[in-house]
Amino acid sequence: MRLLAAKRLYQVVARRIARMIEDNQGKQDWHLPSERELAEQLEVSRTVVREAVIALEMRGIVEVRGRAGIVVLPAHVNPLSFDAINTDIGPGPFELLEARLALESSAAALAAERATRYDIMELEECIERMQLETDEVFLNEKGDREFHLTIANMTGNAIILSMIQALWDQRDASRMWQRVHRHIHAPKVRALWIGDHYAIVAALKMRNGEAARHAMIRHINNVTDELLRADELGRFSSDGADE
């Protein structure tokens, strides 16, 4: 596992960005390109660049200041250390979402074939709890977690359940996830995400596996899109280094 962790793509990209910063230190007119520009230059997805920037931000090397973009911090604040960048801080938030997309969409399709009236009632109760949660609790996603694990349990496959539960456990323990996710504007996304959950339940009620798969895909894609938009809307900013 250590060998695999050492090859996380966002770490490779973070090192390349850090090298770019080091090579241009002292140039008065130089500034770090935007995430979109970095994605094009480095030929990776924007989600990988976002994870790399989060990793650098957690190391005190850069700071994301909303519409101002990625700002390189003065070297005396936190000297550039490639050893620190090489330290694995776990899976990135978009890596976790990608894994959830693959597993949970298939689980939803299988659950549709095996759903009972009791299962549907449980899912509807999960959504009701989500609607009653405060913004702070909503961002912790306790009701959301229970909803998705209930669907995993509906498959009747203990391996699928354990794999999805492991992904949620990793997500909840991820400092990178916590850092980016706390900048989501809860009132704005609450209606969208709750609507996504109702769409998933509707497909399960119809015992329509393909509809359930697509509803789950749409929901997780909506989460990914919101995380990517957070900085563009001026909500993604550093609260200081986490080290």
Protein backbone atom coordinates (compact mmCIF):
# COMPACT_ATOMS: atom_id res chain seq x y z
CA MET A 1 0.00 0.00 0.00
CA ARG A 2 2.88 2.40 0.67
CA LEU A 3 4.16 1.93 -2.88
CA LEU A 4 0.74 2.74 -4.31
CA ALA A 5 0.28 5.73 -2.00
CA ALA A 6 3.64 7.15 -3.07
CA LYS A 7 2.39 7.27 -6.65
CA ARG A 8 -0.75 9.32 -6.07
CA LEU A 9 -1.10 11.54 -9.11
CA TYR A 10 -1.91 14.67 -7.12
CA GLN A 11 1.43 14.31 -5.28
CA VAL A 12 3.31 14.13 -8.58
CA VAL A 13 1.48 17.24 -9.79
CA ALA A 14 2.06 19.03 -6.46
CA ARG A 15 5.81 18.42 -6.80
CA ARG A 16 5.77 19.80 -10.36
CA ILE A 17 3.91 22.92 -9.25
CA ALA A 18 6.30 23.35 -6.33
CA ARG A 19 9.25 23.04 -8.73
CA MET A 20 7.60 25.69 -10.93
CA ILE A 21 7.36 27.98 -7.89
CA GLU A 22 10.99 27.34 -6.94
CA ASP A 23 12.23 28.02 -10.49
CA ASN A 24 10.41 31.36 -10.64
CA GLN A 25 11.17 32.70 -7.17
CA GLY A 26 12.48 36.25 -7.34
CA LYS A 27 10.68 37.12 -10.58
CA GLN A 28 8.55 40.15 -9.70
CA ASP A 29 5.97 39.82 -12.48
CA TRP A 30 5.56 36.05 -12.25
CA HIS A 31 2.44 34.52 -10.78
CA LEU A 32 1.20 30.96 -10.60
CA PRO A 33 -1.21 30.07 -13.44
CA SER A 34 -4.84 29.35 -12.68
CA GLU A 35 -6.03 25.79 -12.03
CA ARG A 36 -7.41 25.55 -15.56
CA GLU A 37 -4.11 26.74 -17.04
CA LEU A 38 -2.13 24.34 -14.86
CA ALA A 39 -4.35 21.46 -15.95
CA GLU A 40 -3.64 22.29 -19.60
CA GLN A 41 0.11 22.76 -19.07
CA LEU A 42 0.55 19.59 -17.02
CA GLU A 43 -1.93 17.58 -19.13
CA VAL A 44 -3.98 16.34 -16.21
CA SER A 45 -7.58 16.83 -15.16
CA ARG A 46 -8.59 19.90 -13.22
CA THR A 47 -9.67 17.69 -10.30
CA VAL A 48 -6.09 16.41 -9.95
CA VAL A 49 -4.77 19.98 -10.02
CA ARG A 50 -7.28 20.94 -7.33
CA GLU A 51 -6.06 18.09 -5.12
CA ALA A 52 -2.44 19.13 -5.71
CA VAL A 53 -3.24 22.73 -4.79
CA ILE A 54 -5.01 21.59 -1.60
CA ALA A 55 -1.92 19.55 -0.69
CA LEU A 56 0.34 22.58 -1.26
CA GLU A 57 -2.04 24.81 0.68
CA MET A 58 -1.95 22.41 3.63
CA ARG A 59 1.86 22.66 3.54
CA GLY A 60 1.71 26.45 3.70
CA ILE A 61 3.23 26.89 0.23
CA VAL A 62 0.25 28.50 -1.49
CA GLU A 63 -3.04 30.04 -0.47
CA VAL A 64 -6.26 30.07 -2.49
CA ARG A 65 -7.95 33.45 -2.18
CA GLY A 66 -11.28 33.16 -3.94
CA ARG A 67 -11.34 35.21 -7.12
CA ALA A 68 -7.70 36.26 -6.62
CA GLY A 69 -6.67 32.71 -7.46
CA ILE A 70 -3.68 30.76 -6.18
CA VAL A 71 -1.23 32.98 -4.31
CA VAL A 72 2.32 31.82 -3.58
CA LEU A 73 3.19 32.56 0.05
CA PRO A 74 6.51 34.24 0.91
CA ALA A 75 9.33 31.75 1.36
CA HIS A 76 10.00 32.96 4.90
CA VAL A 77 6.45 31.97 5.96
CA ASN A 78 7.03 28.31 5.24
CA PRO A 79 10.21 27.39 3.30
CA LEU A 80 9.65 25.10 0.34
CA SER A 81 10.34 21.51 1.37
CA PHE A 82 10.05 18.74 -1.18
CA ASP A 83 10.28 16.18 1.62
CA ALA A 84 7.04 17.57 3.07
CA ILE A 85 5.37 17.47 -0.34
CA ASN A 86 6.39 13.83 -0.73
CA THR A 87 4.60 12.92 2.51
CA ASP A 88 1.39 11.09 1.71
CA ILE A 89 -1.69 12.73 3.24
CA GLY A 90 -4.13 10.16 1.94
CA PRO A 91 -6.51 9.97 -1.01
CA GLY A 92 -7.69 13.23 -2.53
CA PRO A 93 -11.38 14.23 -2.38
CA PHE A 94 -11.92 13.76 -6.10
CA GLU A 95 -10.14 10.39 -6.04
CA LEU A 96 -12.64 9.31 -3.39
CA LEU A 97 -15.58 10.68 -5.40
CA GLU A 98 -14.36 8.84 -8.49
CA ALA A 99 -14.25 5.57 -6.55
CA ARG A 100 -17.69 6.25 -5.11
CA LEU A 101 -19.02 6.96 -8.59
CA ALA A 102 -17.82 3.58 -9.83
CA LEU A 103 -19.04 1.55 -6.86
CA GLU A 104 -22.19 3.33 -5.74
CA SER A 105 -23.72 3.64 -9.21
CA SER A 106 -23.43 -0.13 -9.63
CA ALA A 107 -24.74 -0.69 -6.11
CA ALA A 108 -27.79 1.48 -6.85
CA ALA A 109 -28.57 -0.57 -9.96
CA LEU A 110 -28.33 -3.82 -8.00
CA ALA A 111 -30.32 -2.41 -5.08
CA ALA A 112 -33.15 -1.53 -7.48
CA GLU A 113 -33.58 -5.21 -8.27
CA ARG A 114 -33.79 -6.16 -4.59
CA ALA A 115 -35.49 -3.17 -2.96
CA THR A 116 -38.30 -3.85 -0.48
CA ARG A 117 -40.97 -1.46 0.77
CA TYR A 118 -39.15 -1.38 4.10
CA ASP A 119 -35.91 -0.34 2.35
CA ILE A 120 -37.68 2.52 0.58
CA MET A 121 -39.17 3.69 3.89
CA GLU A 122 -35.71 3.72 5.45
CA LEU A 123 -34.33 5.81 2.60
CA GLU A 124 -37.19 8.29 2.85
CA GLU A 125 -36.57 8.62 6.58
CA CYS A 126 -32.90 9.37 5.83
CA ILE A 127 -33.95 12.19 3.52
CA GLU A 128 -36.34 13.55 6.15
CA ARG A 129 -33.47 13.65 8.63
CA MET A 130 -31.31 15.46 6.08
CA GLN A 131 -34.04 18.10 5.67
CA LEU A 132 -34.11 18.71 9.43
CA GLU A 133 -30.33 19.01 9.81
CA THR A 134 -28.72 22.36 10.48
CA ASP A 135 -26.16 23.67 7.99
CA GLU A 136 -23.29 22.49 10.22
CA VAL A 137 -24.68 18.97 10.56
CA PHE A 138 -25.65 18.94 6.89
CA LEU A 139 -22.03 19.53 5.92
CA ASN A 140 -21.01 16.60 8.13
CA GLU A 141 -23.44 14.57 6.03
CA LYS A 142 -24.54 12.12 8.71
CA GLY A 143 -27.91 11.62 7.06
CA ASP A 144 -26.29 11.40 3.65
CA ARG A 145 -23.86 8.71 4.81
CA GLU A 146 -26.72 6.65 6.26
CA PHE A 147 -28.67 7.01 3.00
CA HIS A 148 -25.83 5.72 0.84
CA LEU A 149 -24.88 2.89 3.19
CA THR A 150 -28.54 1.81 3.29
CA ILE A 151 -28.45 1.45 -0.51
CA ALA A 152 -25.21 -0.52 -0.26
CA ASN A 153 -26.87 -2.80 2.30
CA MET A 154 -29.88 -3.24 0.00
CA THR A 155 -27.66 -5.04 -2.52
CA GLY A 156 -27.46 -7.98 -0.13
CA ASN A 157 -23.75 -8.22 -0.94
CA ALA A 158 -21.52 -7.94 2.13
CA ILE A 159 -18.41 -7.23 0.04
CA ILE A 160 -20.05 -4.31 -1.77
CA LEU A 161 -21.28 -2.95 1.57
CA SER A 162 -17.82 -3.21 3.16
CA MET A 163 -16.13 -1.53 0.18
CA ILE A 164 -18.55 1.40 0.14
CA GLN A 165 -18.38 1.75 3.90
CA ALA A 166 -14.56 1.80 3.67
CA LEU A 167 -14.75 4.65 1.13
CA TRP A 168 -16.98 6.70 3.43
CA ASP A 169 -14.68 5.97 6.37
CA GLN A 170 -11.69 7.19 4.33
CA ARG A 171 -13.63 10.28 3.28
CA ASP A 172 -14.61 11.13 6.86
CA ALA A 173 -10.99 10.71 8.02
CA SER A 174 -9.50 12.68 5.12
CA ARG A 175 -8.03 16.03 6.09
CA MET A 176 -8.03 17.00 2.40
CA TRP A 177 -11.77 16.32 2.13
CA GLN A 178 -12.49 18.29 5.28
CA ARG A 179 -10.47 21.24 4.00
CA VAL A 180 -12.25 21.58 0.66
CA HIS A 181 -15.70 20.46 1.77
CA ARG A 182 -16.09 23.01 4.55
CA HIS A 183 -16.16 25.77 1.90
CA ILE A 184 -19.32 24.44 0.27
CA HIS A 185 -22.25 26.82 0.66
CA ALA A 186 -24.77 24.56 2.41
CA PRO A 187 -28.00 26.56 1.79
CA LYS A 188 -27.22 26.69 -1.94
CA VAL A 189 -26.63 22.98 -2.42
CA ARG A 190 -29.09 21.60 0.12
CA ALA A 191 -32.10 21.64 -2.25
CA LEU A 192 -30.07 20.25 -5.16
CA TRP A 193 -28.62 17.34 -3.20
CA ILE A 194 -31.85 16.46 -1.45
CA GLY A 195 -33.52 16.50 -4.86
CA ASP A 196 -30.84 14.11 -6.10
CA HIS A 197 -31.68 11.73 -3.27
CA TYR A 198 -35.38 11.83 -4.05
CA ALA A 199 -34.56 10.99 -7.69
CA ILE A 200 -32.54 7.98 -6.56
CA VAL A 201 -35.41 6.77 -4.36
CA ALA A 202 -37.90 7.25 -7.21
CA ALA A 203 -35.80 5.01 -9.46
CA LEU A 204 -35.49 2.40 -6.73
CA LYS A 205 -39.27 2.44 -6.22
CA MET A 206 -39.74 1.67 -9.91
CA ARG A 207 -37.21 -1.19 -9.62
CA ASN A 208 -35.43 0.45 -12.55
CA GLY A 209 -31.74 -0.41 -12.28
CA GLU A 210 -30.55 1.84 -15.11
CA ALA A 211 -32.51 4.81 -13.80
CA ALA A 212 -31.08 4.22 -10.31
CA ARG A 213 -27.54 4.00 -11.74
CA HIS A 214 -27.93 7.27 -13.65
CA ALA A 215 -29.54 9.04 -10.70
CA MET A 216 -26.58 8.09 -8.50
CA ILE A 217 -24.10 9.17 -11.18
CA ARG A 218 -25.86 12.51 -11.53
CA HIS A 219 -25.76 13.07 -7.75
CA ILE A 220 -22.05 12.31 -7.33
CA ASN A 221 -21.25 14.42 -10.39
CA ASN A 222 -23.20 17.28 -8.81
CA VAL A 223 -21.06 16.97 -5.67
CA THR A 224 -17.89 17.01 -7.79
CA ASP A 225 -19.08 20.06 -9.73
CA GLU A 226 -19.88 21.96 -6.54
CA LEU A 227 -16.43 21.27 -5.10
CA LEU A 228 -14.84 22.54 -8.31
CA ARG A 229 -16.99 25.69 -8.36
CA ALA A 230 -16.29 26.59 -4.73
CA ASP A 231 -13.22 28.73 -5.51
CA GLU A 232 -14.79 30.37 -8.58
CA LEU A 233 -17.65 31.64 -6.40
CA GLY A 234 -15.19 33.12 -3.94
CA ARG A 235 -15.88 30.59 -1.20
CA PHE A 236 -12.67 28.58 -1.36
CA SER A 237 -10.05 30.27 0.76
CA SER A 238 -7.40 29.12 3.18
CA ASP A 239 -7.94 29.29 6.92
CA GLY A 240 -4.27 28.72 7.56
CA ALA A 241 -1.94 25.74 7.34
CA ASP A 242 -3.16 22.51 8.87
CA GLU A 243 0.20 21.19 9.80
